[in-house]
Amino acid sequence: MSHLEPILEPAIEAAGYRLVRLRLLGGKTKTLQIMAERPDGTMNVEDCAKLSHALLDFIEREEPLEGEYELEVSSPGIDRPLTRLIDFARYAGHEAKLELGAPIDGRKRFRGVLLGLDGNDVVVDAQGQRVRLAFRAIAEAKLVLTDKLIQEDLKARERAEQEN
């Protein structure tokens, strides 16, 4: 977790969004990547612009970053990263790719259907085998783009449009 997350997350929430992932990339000019979504899980171009303006105002006022930087605000997309424990429960029934920080029984990568949570463990059906992985052991995880995921995303967008 970046040292900036506890500083920027309240500003993101105050603007009406949820932080999905924050990355600070080095280089001559730093790049601050913010991936966020609305509480209903959607995020369009207008939302990205609105959050970008709110964050630029906050960063200018609070100065949590030193030196020059570029801000990139994006939506998580359909095949989104899974970064919080609740994400693994929310997307149960969908296929995901998971990579561990350290191998378990010689294996670091898993792909399978998310079965949800068992305490702080993520449960996955990987090729018919039920696997429990400690959430803290997962270095990276993301949904796999499938027809089922696309259909669910379309339905969520339609609901969001009807509510607005």
N, C-alpha and C. Protein backbone atom coordinates (compact mmCIF):
# COMPACT_ATOMS: atom_id res chain seq x y z
N MET A 1 0.84 -1.19 0.00
CA MET A 1 0.00 0.00 0.00
C MET A 1 0.88 1.24 0.00
N SER A 2 0.51 2.17 -0.81
CA SER A 2 1.25 3.42 -0.92
C SER A 2 1.00 4.27 0.33
N HIS A 3 2.02 5.05 0.70
CA HIS A 3 1.86 5.99 1.82
C HIS A 3 0.83 7.06 1.50
N LEU A 4 0.51 7.23 0.23
CA LEU A 4 -0.47 8.24 -0.19
C LEU A 4 -1.92 7.77 -0.03
N GLU A 5 -2.12 6.46 0.04
CA GLU A 5 -3.49 5.94 0.09
C GLU A 5 -4.30 6.52 1.25
N PRO A 6 -3.79 6.50 2.50
CA PRO A 6 -4.59 7.06 3.60
C PRO A 6 -4.80 8.57 3.49
N ILE A 7 -3.96 9.25 2.73
CA ILE A 7 -4.11 10.69 2.54
C ILE A 7 -5.14 10.99 1.46
N LEU A 8 -5.08 10.25 0.34
CA LEU A 8 -5.94 10.53 -0.80
C LEU A 8 -7.31 9.85 -0.74
N GLU A 9 -7.40 8.70 -0.07
CA GLU A 9 -8.68 7.98 -0.04
C GLU A 9 -9.83 8.82 0.52
N PRO A 10 -9.63 9.57 1.63
CA PRO A 10 -10.74 10.41 2.11
C PRO A 10 -11.16 11.48 1.09
N ALA A 11 -10.21 12.03 0.34
CA ALA A 11 -10.54 13.03 -0.68
C ALA A 11 -11.33 12.39 -1.83
N ILE A 12 -10.98 11.16 -2.17
CA ILE A 12 -11.70 10.44 -3.22
C ILE A 12 -13.13 10.15 -2.76
N GLU A 13 -13.27 9.71 -1.52
CA GLU A 13 -14.60 9.42 -0.97
C GLU A 13 -15.43 10.69 -0.83
N ALA A 14 -14.79 11.80 -0.46
CA ALA A 14 -15.51 13.08 -0.33
C ALA A 14 -16.06 13.53 -1.68
N ALA A 15 -15.38 13.14 -2.77
CA ALA A 15 -15.85 13.49 -4.11
C ALA A 15 -16.94 12.53 -4.59
N GLY A 16 -17.24 11.48 -3.80
CA GLY A 16 -18.33 10.57 -4.13
C GLY A 16 -17.89 9.27 -4.80
N TYR A 17 -16.61 8.92 -4.65
CA TYR A 17 -16.08 7.72 -5.31
C TYR A 17 -15.39 6.80 -4.30
N ARG A 18 -15.09 5.58 -4.79
CA ARG A 18 -14.38 4.59 -3.99
C ARG A 18 -13.05 4.31 -4.67
N LEU A 19 -11.98 4.30 -3.88
CA LEU A 19 -10.65 3.97 -4.41
C LEU A 19 -10.57 2.48 -4.69
N VAL A 20 -10.14 2.13 -5.89
CA VAL A 20 -9.92 0.73 -6.25
C VAL A 20 -8.43 0.42 -6.14
N ARG A 21 -7.60 1.28 -6.75
CA ARG A 21 -6.16 1.06 -6.68
C ARG A 21 -5.44 2.38 -6.86
N LEU A 22 -4.33 2.54 -6.14
CA LEU A 22 -3.50 3.71 -6.25
C LEU A 22 -2.07 3.24 -6.51
N ARG A 23 -1.43 3.81 -7.52
CA ARG A 23 -0.04 3.48 -7.81
C ARG A 23 0.72 4.78 -8.06
N LEU A 24 1.93 4.86 -7.52
CA LEU A 24 2.82 5.98 -7.78
C LEU A 24 4.02 5.43 -8.51
N LEU A 25 4.14 5.81 -9.78
CA LEU A 25 5.23 5.31 -10.62
C LEU A 25 6.33 6.35 -10.67
N GLY A 26 7.58 5.88 -10.54
CA GLY A 26 8.73 6.79 -10.52
C GLY A 26 9.12 7.24 -11.91
N GLY A 27 10.27 7.85 -11.96
CA GLY A 27 10.77 8.38 -13.22
C GLY A 27 11.06 9.86 -13.04
N LYS A 28 11.49 10.49 -14.12
CA LYS A 28 11.81 11.92 -14.07
C LYS A 28 10.60 12.71 -13.57
N THR A 29 9.44 12.42 -14.17
CA THR A 29 8.18 12.98 -13.69
C THR A 29 7.36 11.82 -13.13
N LYS A 30 6.95 11.92 -11.88
CA LYS A 30 6.17 10.85 -11.27
C LYS A 30 4.77 10.80 -11.89
N THR A 31 4.20 9.60 -11.91
CA THR A 31 2.82 9.43 -12.37
C THR A 31 2.01 8.83 -11.23
N LEU A 32 0.97 9.54 -10.84
CA LEU A 32 0.06 9.05 -9.81
C LEU A 32 -1.16 8.48 -10.52
N GLN A 33 -1.31 7.16 -10.44
CA GLN A 33 -2.44 6.49 -11.08
C GLN A 33 -3.50 6.19 -10.03
N ILE A 34 -4.69 6.69 -10.27
CA ILE A 34 -5.84 6.46 -9.39
C ILE A 34 -6.89 5.70 -10.18
N MET A 35 -7.28 4.55 -9.68
CA MET A 35 -8.37 3.79 -10.28
C MET A 35 -9.51 3.85 -9.26
N ALA A 36 -10.66 4.33 -9.71
CA ALA A 36 -11.77 4.53 -8.78
C ALA A 36 -13.09 4.16 -9.45
N GLU A 37 -14.15 4.13 -8.62
CA GLU A 37 -15.49 3.83 -9.12
C GLU A 37 -16.51 4.52 -8.24
N ARG A 38 -17.71 4.68 -8.79
CA ARG A 38 -18.82 5.18 -7.99
C ARG A 38 -19.27 4.06 -7.06
N PRO A 39 -20.04 4.37 -6.03
CA PRO A 39 -20.50 3.32 -5.12
C PRO A 39 -21.26 2.19 -5.80
N ASP A 40 -21.92 2.49 -6.96
CA ASP A 40 -22.65 1.44 -7.67
C ASP A 40 -21.74 0.61 -8.58
N GLY A 41 -20.44 0.91 -8.57
CA GLY A 41 -19.48 0.14 -9.36
C GLY A 41 -19.24 0.68 -10.76
N THR A 42 -19.94 1.74 -11.16
CA THR A 42 -19.74 2.29 -12.49
C THR A 42 -18.75 3.45 -12.43
N MET A 43 -18.24 3.84 -13.58
CA MET A 43 -17.32 4.99 -13.67
C MET A 43 -17.21 5.36 -15.14
N ASN A 44 -17.70 6.55 -15.51
CA ASN A 44 -17.62 6.97 -16.90
C ASN A 44 -16.59 8.09 -17.06
N VAL A 45 -16.45 8.59 -18.28
CA VAL A 45 -15.45 9.61 -18.57
C VAL A 45 -15.70 10.88 -17.75
N GLU A 46 -16.98 11.26 -17.62
CA GLU A 46 -17.30 12.46 -16.84
C GLU A 46 -16.90 12.28 -15.38
N ASP A 47 -17.10 11.06 -14.85
CA ASP A 47 -16.69 10.79 -13.47
C ASP A 47 -15.18 10.92 -13.32
N CYS A 48 -14.43 10.41 -14.30
CA CYS A 48 -12.97 10.50 -14.26
C CYS A 48 -12.53 11.97 -14.24
N ALA A 49 -13.16 12.78 -15.07
CA ALA A 49 -12.82 14.21 -15.12
C ALA A 49 -13.16 14.90 -13.81
N LYS A 50 -14.34 14.59 -13.26
CA LYS A 50 -14.77 15.21 -12.00
C LYS A 50 -13.81 14.84 -10.87
N LEU A 51 -13.46 13.57 -10.77
CA LEU A 51 -12.55 13.13 -9.71
C LEU A 51 -11.16 13.71 -9.92
N SER A 52 -10.72 13.78 -11.16
CA SER A 52 -9.41 14.34 -11.47
C SER A 52 -9.32 15.79 -10.98
N HIS A 53 -10.34 16.60 -11.26
CA HIS A 53 -10.36 18.00 -10.82
C HIS A 53 -10.37 18.09 -9.30
N ALA A 54 -11.18 17.26 -8.65
CA ALA A 54 -11.25 17.27 -7.19
C ALA A 54 -9.90 16.90 -6.58
N LEU A 55 -9.23 15.90 -7.16
CA LEU A 55 -7.93 15.47 -6.63
C LEU A 55 -6.85 16.51 -6.88
N LEU A 56 -6.87 17.14 -8.06
CA LEU A 56 -5.88 18.19 -8.33
C LEU A 56 -6.02 19.34 -7.35
N ASP A 57 -7.27 19.74 -7.06
CA ASP A 57 -7.51 20.80 -6.07
C ASP A 57 -6.99 20.37 -4.69
N PHE A 58 -7.28 19.13 -4.30
CA PHE A 58 -6.85 18.62 -3.00
C PHE A 58 -5.31 18.57 -2.92
N ILE A 59 -4.68 18.04 -3.95
CA ILE A 59 -3.21 17.90 -3.96
C ILE A 59 -2.54 19.27 -3.93
N GLU A 60 -3.10 20.22 -4.67
CA GLU A 60 -2.56 21.57 -4.68
C GLU A 60 -2.65 22.21 -3.29
N ARG A 61 -3.76 21.95 -2.61
CA ARG A 61 -4.01 22.54 -1.29
C ARG A 61 -3.17 21.85 -0.22
N GLU A 62 -3.12 20.52 -0.23
CA GLU A 62 -2.47 19.75 0.85
C GLU A 62 -1.00 19.40 0.57
N GLU A 63 -0.60 19.40 -0.69
CA GLU A 63 0.76 19.11 -1.11
C GLU A 63 1.34 17.79 -0.55
N PRO A 64 0.64 16.65 -0.76
CA PRO A 64 1.19 15.38 -0.27
C PRO A 64 2.30 14.83 -1.16
N LEU A 65 2.45 15.40 -2.37
CA LEU A 65 3.48 14.95 -3.31
C LEU A 65 4.55 16.02 -3.49
N GLU A 66 5.80 15.58 -3.53
CA GLU A 66 6.89 16.51 -3.79
C GLU A 66 7.28 16.40 -5.25
N GLY A 67 7.69 17.51 -5.83
CA GLY A 67 8.15 17.51 -7.21
C GLY A 67 7.00 17.48 -8.20
N GLU A 68 7.38 17.29 -9.47
CA GLU A 68 6.37 17.27 -10.52
C GLU A 68 5.76 15.88 -10.65
N TYR A 69 4.52 15.85 -11.07
CA TYR A 69 3.82 14.58 -11.23
C TYR A 69 2.71 14.75 -12.27
N GLU A 70 2.29 13.62 -12.81
CA GLU A 70 1.12 13.58 -13.69
C GLU A 70 0.07 12.76 -12.98
N LEU A 71 -1.17 13.18 -13.07
CA LEU A 71 -2.28 12.46 -12.46
C LEU A 71 -3.06 11.74 -13.54
N GLU A 72 -3.27 10.44 -13.36
CA GLU A 72 -4.10 9.65 -14.27
C GLU A 72 -5.24 9.05 -13.46
N VAL A 73 -6.47 9.38 -13.82
CA VAL A 73 -7.65 8.83 -13.15
C VAL A 73 -8.38 7.95 -14.16
N SER A 74 -8.70 6.73 -13.76
CA SER A 74 -9.38 5.81 -14.67
C SER A 74 -10.40 4.97 -13.92
N SER A 75 -11.24 4.31 -14.72
CA SER A 75 -12.20 3.35 -14.15
C SER A 75 -11.48 2.01 -14.05
N PRO A 76 -11.98 1.11 -13.22
CA PRO A 76 -11.34 -0.20 -13.12
C PRO A 76 -11.56 -1.07 -14.36
N GLY A 77 -12.55 -0.74 -15.19
CA GLY A 77 -12.84 -1.55 -16.36
C GLY A 77 -13.59 -2.81 -15.99
N ILE A 78 -14.02 -3.54 -16.99
CA ILE A 78 -14.80 -4.75 -16.74
C ILE A 78 -13.93 -5.83 -16.09
N ASP A 79 -12.72 -6.02 -16.65
CA ASP A 79 -11.81 -7.03 -16.10
C ASP A 79 -10.92 -6.41 -15.03
N ARG A 80 -11.56 -5.84 -14.07
CA ARG A 80 -10.98 -5.02 -13.01
C ARG A 80 -10.02 -5.78 -12.10
N PRO A 81 -9.11 -5.05 -11.47
CA PRO A 81 -8.29 -5.67 -10.44
C PRO A 81 -9.13 -5.88 -9.17
N LEU A 82 -8.79 -6.89 -8.43
CA LEU A 82 -9.44 -7.18 -7.15
C LEU A 82 -8.45 -6.78 -6.07
N THR A 83 -8.74 -5.72 -5.35
CA THR A 83 -7.76 -5.17 -4.41
C THR A 83 -8.18 -5.23 -2.96
N ARG A 84 -9.48 -5.33 -2.71
CA ARG A 84 -9.98 -5.38 -1.33
C ARG A 84 -10.60 -6.74 -1.08
N LEU A 85 -10.61 -7.15 0.16
CA LEU A 85 -11.17 -8.45 0.52
C LEU A 85 -12.61 -8.57 0.03
N ILE A 86 -13.39 -7.51 0.18
CA ILE A 86 -14.80 -7.54 -0.21
C ILE A 86 -14.97 -7.77 -1.72
N ASP A 87 -13.97 -7.39 -2.53
CA ASP A 87 -14.05 -7.61 -3.99
C ASP A 87 -14.19 -9.09 -4.31
N PHE A 88 -13.53 -9.94 -3.54
CA PHE A 88 -13.55 -11.38 -3.82
C PHE A 88 -14.92 -11.99 -3.50
N ALA A 89 -15.64 -11.39 -2.55
CA ALA A 89 -17.00 -11.84 -2.26
C ALA A 89 -17.96 -11.25 -3.30
N ARG A 90 -17.78 -9.98 -3.62
CA ARG A 90 -18.66 -9.28 -4.57
C ARG A 90 -18.67 -9.96 -5.94
N TYR A 91 -17.53 -10.49 -6.36
CA TYR A 91 -17.42 -11.10 -7.68
C TYR A 91 -17.39 -12.63 -7.64
N ALA A 92 -17.92 -13.21 -6.56
CA ALA A 92 -18.03 -14.67 -6.49
C ALA A 92 -18.85 -15.15 -7.68
N GLY A 93 -18.42 -16.27 -8.27
CA GLY A 93 -19.09 -16.81 -9.44
C GLY A 93 -18.41 -16.40 -10.74
N HIS A 94 -17.47 -15.46 -10.66
CA HIS A 94 -16.74 -15.01 -11.85
C HIS A 94 -15.33 -15.57 -11.84
N GLU A 95 -14.76 -15.66 -13.04
CA GLU A 95 -13.41 -16.19 -13.19
C GLU A 95 -12.38 -15.09 -12.89
N ALA A 96 -11.28 -15.49 -12.25
CA ALA A 96 -10.23 -14.53 -11.90
C ALA A 96 -8.86 -15.18 -12.04
N LYS A 97 -7.86 -14.31 -12.23
CA LYS A 97 -6.46 -14.72 -12.20
C LYS A 97 -5.87 -14.13 -10.93
N LEU A 98 -5.14 -14.97 -10.18
CA LEU A 98 -4.53 -14.52 -8.94
C LEU A 98 -3.06 -14.89 -8.95
N GLU A 99 -2.25 -13.97 -8.45
CA GLU A 99 -0.82 -14.23 -8.33
C GLU A 99 -0.41 -13.97 -6.89
N LEU A 100 0.32 -14.91 -6.32
CA LEU A 100 0.76 -14.81 -4.93
C LEU A 100 2.13 -14.15 -4.85
N GLY A 101 2.41 -13.58 -3.70
CA GLY A 101 3.72 -12.99 -3.46
C GLY A 101 4.79 -14.06 -3.33
N ALA A 102 4.42 -15.20 -2.77
CA ALA A 102 5.34 -16.33 -2.59
C ALA A 102 4.60 -17.60 -2.97
N PRO A 103 5.29 -18.57 -3.54
CA PRO A 103 4.61 -19.80 -3.99
C PRO A 103 4.07 -20.65 -2.83
N ILE A 104 2.97 -21.33 -3.11
CA ILE A 104 2.40 -22.33 -2.21
C ILE A 104 2.51 -23.66 -2.95
N ASP A 105 3.20 -24.61 -2.36
CA ASP A 105 3.44 -25.91 -3.02
C ASP A 105 4.02 -25.71 -4.42
N GLY A 106 4.95 -24.75 -4.55
CA GLY A 106 5.62 -24.51 -5.82
C GLY A 106 4.81 -23.74 -6.84
N ARG A 107 3.65 -23.24 -6.45
CA ARG A 107 2.76 -22.57 -7.40
C ARG A 107 2.44 -21.14 -6.94
N LYS A 108 2.62 -20.17 -7.87
CA LYS A 108 2.33 -18.77 -7.57
C LYS A 108 1.09 -18.25 -8.28
N ARG A 109 0.72 -18.86 -9.40
CA ARG A 109 -0.40 -18.36 -10.20
C ARG A 109 -1.58 -19.32 -10.16
N PHE A 110 -2.76 -18.74 -10.02
CA PHE A 110 -3.99 -19.52 -10.00
C PHE A 110 -5.00 -18.84 -10.90
N ARG A 111 -5.82 -19.63 -11.56
CA ARG A 111 -6.92 -19.12 -12.37
C ARG A 111 -8.11 -20.01 -12.09
N GLY A 112 -9.24 -19.39 -11.79
CA GLY A 112 -10.42 -20.18 -11.52
C GLY A 112 -11.61 -19.31 -11.16
N VAL A 113 -12.68 -19.96 -10.78
CA VAL A 113 -13.91 -19.27 -10.42
C VAL A 113 -13.87 -18.90 -8.94
N LEU A 114 -14.13 -17.64 -8.64
CA LEU A 114 -14.16 -17.19 -7.25
C LEU A 114 -15.36 -17.81 -6.56
N LEU A 115 -15.12 -18.41 -5.40
CA LEU A 115 -16.20 -19.00 -4.62
C LEU A 115 -16.57 -18.14 -3.42
N GLY A 116 -15.84 -17.04 -3.21
CA GLY A 116 -16.13 -16.14 -2.10
C GLY A 116 -15.05 -16.19 -1.06
N LEU A 117 -15.45 -15.94 0.19
CA LEU A 117 -14.50 -15.83 1.29
C LEU A 117 -14.77 -16.88 2.35
N ASP A 118 -13.69 -17.24 3.04
CA ASP A 118 -13.78 -18.05 4.25
C ASP A 118 -12.92 -17.32 5.27
N GLY A 119 -13.55 -16.44 6.04
CA GLY A 119 -12.79 -15.57 6.95
C GLY A 119 -11.99 -14.59 6.12
N ASN A 120 -10.66 -14.57 6.30
CA ASN A 120 -9.78 -13.71 5.51
C ASN A 120 -9.10 -14.47 4.38
N ASP A 121 -9.65 -15.61 4.04
CA ASP A 121 -9.12 -16.41 2.94
C ASP A 121 -10.03 -16.28 1.72
N VAL A 122 -9.42 -16.25 0.56
CA VAL A 122 -10.15 -16.23 -0.71
C VAL A 122 -10.25 -17.68 -1.17
N VAL A 123 -11.46 -18.08 -1.56
CA VAL A 123 -11.69 -19.46 -1.99
C VAL A 123 -11.93 -19.45 -3.50
N VAL A 124 -11.18 -20.32 -4.20
CA VAL A 124 -11.23 -20.38 -5.67
C VAL A 124 -11.38 -21.82 -6.10
N ASP A 125 -12.19 -22.03 -7.15
CA ASP A 125 -12.26 -23.34 -7.79
C ASP A 125 -11.30 -23.28 -8.97
N ALA A 126 -10.10 -23.86 -8.79
CA ALA A 126 -9.08 -23.86 -9.84
C ALA A 126 -9.04 -25.25 -10.46
N GLN A 127 -9.55 -25.37 -11.68
CA GLN A 127 -9.62 -26.64 -12.40
C GLN A 127 -10.26 -27.74 -11.57
N GLY A 128 -11.38 -27.42 -10.95
CA GLY A 128 -12.12 -28.41 -10.17
C GLY A 128 -11.57 -28.67 -8.78
N GLN A 129 -10.51 -27.98 -8.41
CA GLN A 129 -9.92 -28.14 -7.08
C GLN A 129 -10.21 -26.89 -6.26
N ARG A 130 -10.79 -27.07 -5.08
CA ARG A 130 -11.11 -25.96 -4.18
C ARG A 130 -9.82 -25.53 -3.47
N VAL A 131 -9.42 -24.26 -3.70
CA VAL A 131 -8.17 -23.75 -3.14
C VAL A 131 -8.48 -22.56 -2.24
N ARG A 132 -7.88 -22.57 -1.04
CA ARG A 132 -8.00 -21.44 -0.11
C ARG A 132 -6.69 -20.69 -0.10
N LEU A 133 -6.76 -19.38 -0.35
CA LEU A 133 -5.57 -18.55 -0.39
C LEU A 133 -5.75 -17.41 0.61
N ALA A 134 -4.75 -17.21 1.45
CA ALA A 134 -4.80 -16.10 2.40
C ALA A 134 -4.81 -14.78 1.62
N PHE A 135 -5.74 -13.89 1.94
CA PHE A 135 -5.85 -12.61 1.24
C PHE A 135 -4.52 -11.88 1.25
N ARG A 136 -3.83 -11.86 2.38
CA ARG A 136 -2.57 -11.13 2.49
C ARG A 136 -1.46 -11.74 1.62
N ALA A 137 -1.63 -12.99 1.18
CA ALA A 137 -0.63 -13.65 0.33
C ALA A 137 -0.80 -13.30 -1.15
N ILE A 138 -1.95 -12.69 -1.50
CA ILE A 138 -2.25 -12.37 -2.90
C ILE A 138 -1.57 -11.05 -3.27
N ALA A 139 -0.65 -11.13 -4.23
CA ALA A 139 0.07 -9.94 -4.68
C ALA A 139 -0.75 -9.17 -5.71
N GLU A 140 -1.42 -9.91 -6.58
CA GLU A 140 -2.21 -9.28 -7.64
C GLU A 140 -3.35 -10.21 -8.03
N ALA A 141 -4.50 -9.62 -8.32
CA ALA A 141 -5.65 -10.41 -8.75
C ALA A 141 -6.51 -9.54 -9.65
N LYS A 142 -7.10 -10.18 -10.67
CA LYS A 142 -8.01 -9.44 -11.55
C LYS A 142 -9.02 -10.40 -12.15
N LEU A 143 -10.17 -9.84 -12.50
CA LEU A 143 -11.21 -10.62 -13.15
C LEU A 143 -10.78 -10.95 -14.57
N VAL A 144 -11.26 -12.07 -15.06
CA VAL A 144 -11.04 -12.48 -16.45
C VAL A 144 -12.26 -12.05 -17.25
N LEU A 145 -12.02 -11.46 -18.40
CA LEU A 145 -13.11 -11.00 -19.25
C LEU A 145 -13.86 -12.20 -19.84
N THR A 146 -15.10 -12.38 -19.41
CA THR A 146 -15.92 -13.49 -19.90
C THR A 146 -17.27 -12.93 -20.35
N ASP A 147 -18.03 -13.73 -21.11
CA ASP A 147 -19.37 -13.30 -21.54
C ASP A 147 -20.25 -13.00 -20.34
N LYS A 148 -20.16 -13.83 -19.31
CA LYS A 148 -20.97 -13.64 -18.10
C LYS A 148 -20.66 -12.29 -17.45
N LEU A 149 -19.38 -11.95 -17.36
CA LEU A 149 -18.97 -10.68 -16.76
C LEU A 149 -19.46 -9.49 -17.59
N ILE A 150 -19.36 -9.61 -18.91
CA ILE A 150 -19.82 -8.55 -19.81
C ILE A 150 -21.33 -8.33 -19.66
N GLN A 151 -22.10 -9.42 -19.61
CA GLN A 151 -23.56 -9.31 -19.45
C GLN A 151 -23.91 -8.64 -18.12
N GLU A 152 -23.22 -9.02 -17.05
CA GLU A 152 -23.48 -8.41 -15.74
C GLU A 152 -23.13 -6.93 -15.75
N ASP A 153 -22.05 -6.57 -16.41
CA ASP A 153 -21.64 -5.17 -16.49
C ASP A 153 -22.67 -4.36 -17.28
N LEU A 154 -23.17 -4.90 -18.38
CA LEU A 154 -24.20 -4.21 -19.17
C LEU A 154 -25.45 -3.96 -18.34
N LYS A 155 -25.87 -4.96 -17.58
CA LYS A 155 -27.06 -4.81 -16.73
C LYS A 155 -26.83 -3.73 -15.67
N ALA A 156 -25.65 -3.69 -15.08
CA ALA A 156 -25.33 -2.68 -14.06
C ALA A 156 -25.35 -1.28 -14.66
N ARG A 157 -24.82 -1.15 -15.88
CA ARG A 157 -24.83 0.16 -16.56
C ARG A 157 -26.25 0.61 -16.85
N GLU A 158 -27.09 -0.32 -17.30
CA GLU A 158 -28.49 0.01 -17.58
C GLU A 158 -29.20 0.47 -16.31
N ARG A 159 -28.96 -0.23 -15.20
CA ARG A 159 -29.56 0.18 -13.92
C ARG A 159 -29.09 1.58 -13.53
N ALA A 160 -27.80 1.83 -13.68
CA ALA A 160 -27.24 3.14 -13.32
C ALA A 160 -27.84 4.25 -14.17
N GLU A 161 -28.03 4.00 -15.46
CA GLU A 161 -28.63 5.00 -16.35
C GLU A 161 -30.08 5.28 -15.97
N GLN A 162 -30.82 4.24 -15.58
CA GLN A 162 -32.22 4.41 -15.18
C GLN A 162 -32.34 5.21 -13.89
N GLU A 163 -31.35 5.07 -12.99
CA GLU A 163 -31.38 5.78 -11.71
C GLU A 163 -31.01 7.25 -11.88
N ASN A 164 -30.26 7.57 -12.93
CA ASN A 164 -29.80 8.96 -13.13
C ASN A 164 -30.73 9.78 -13.98
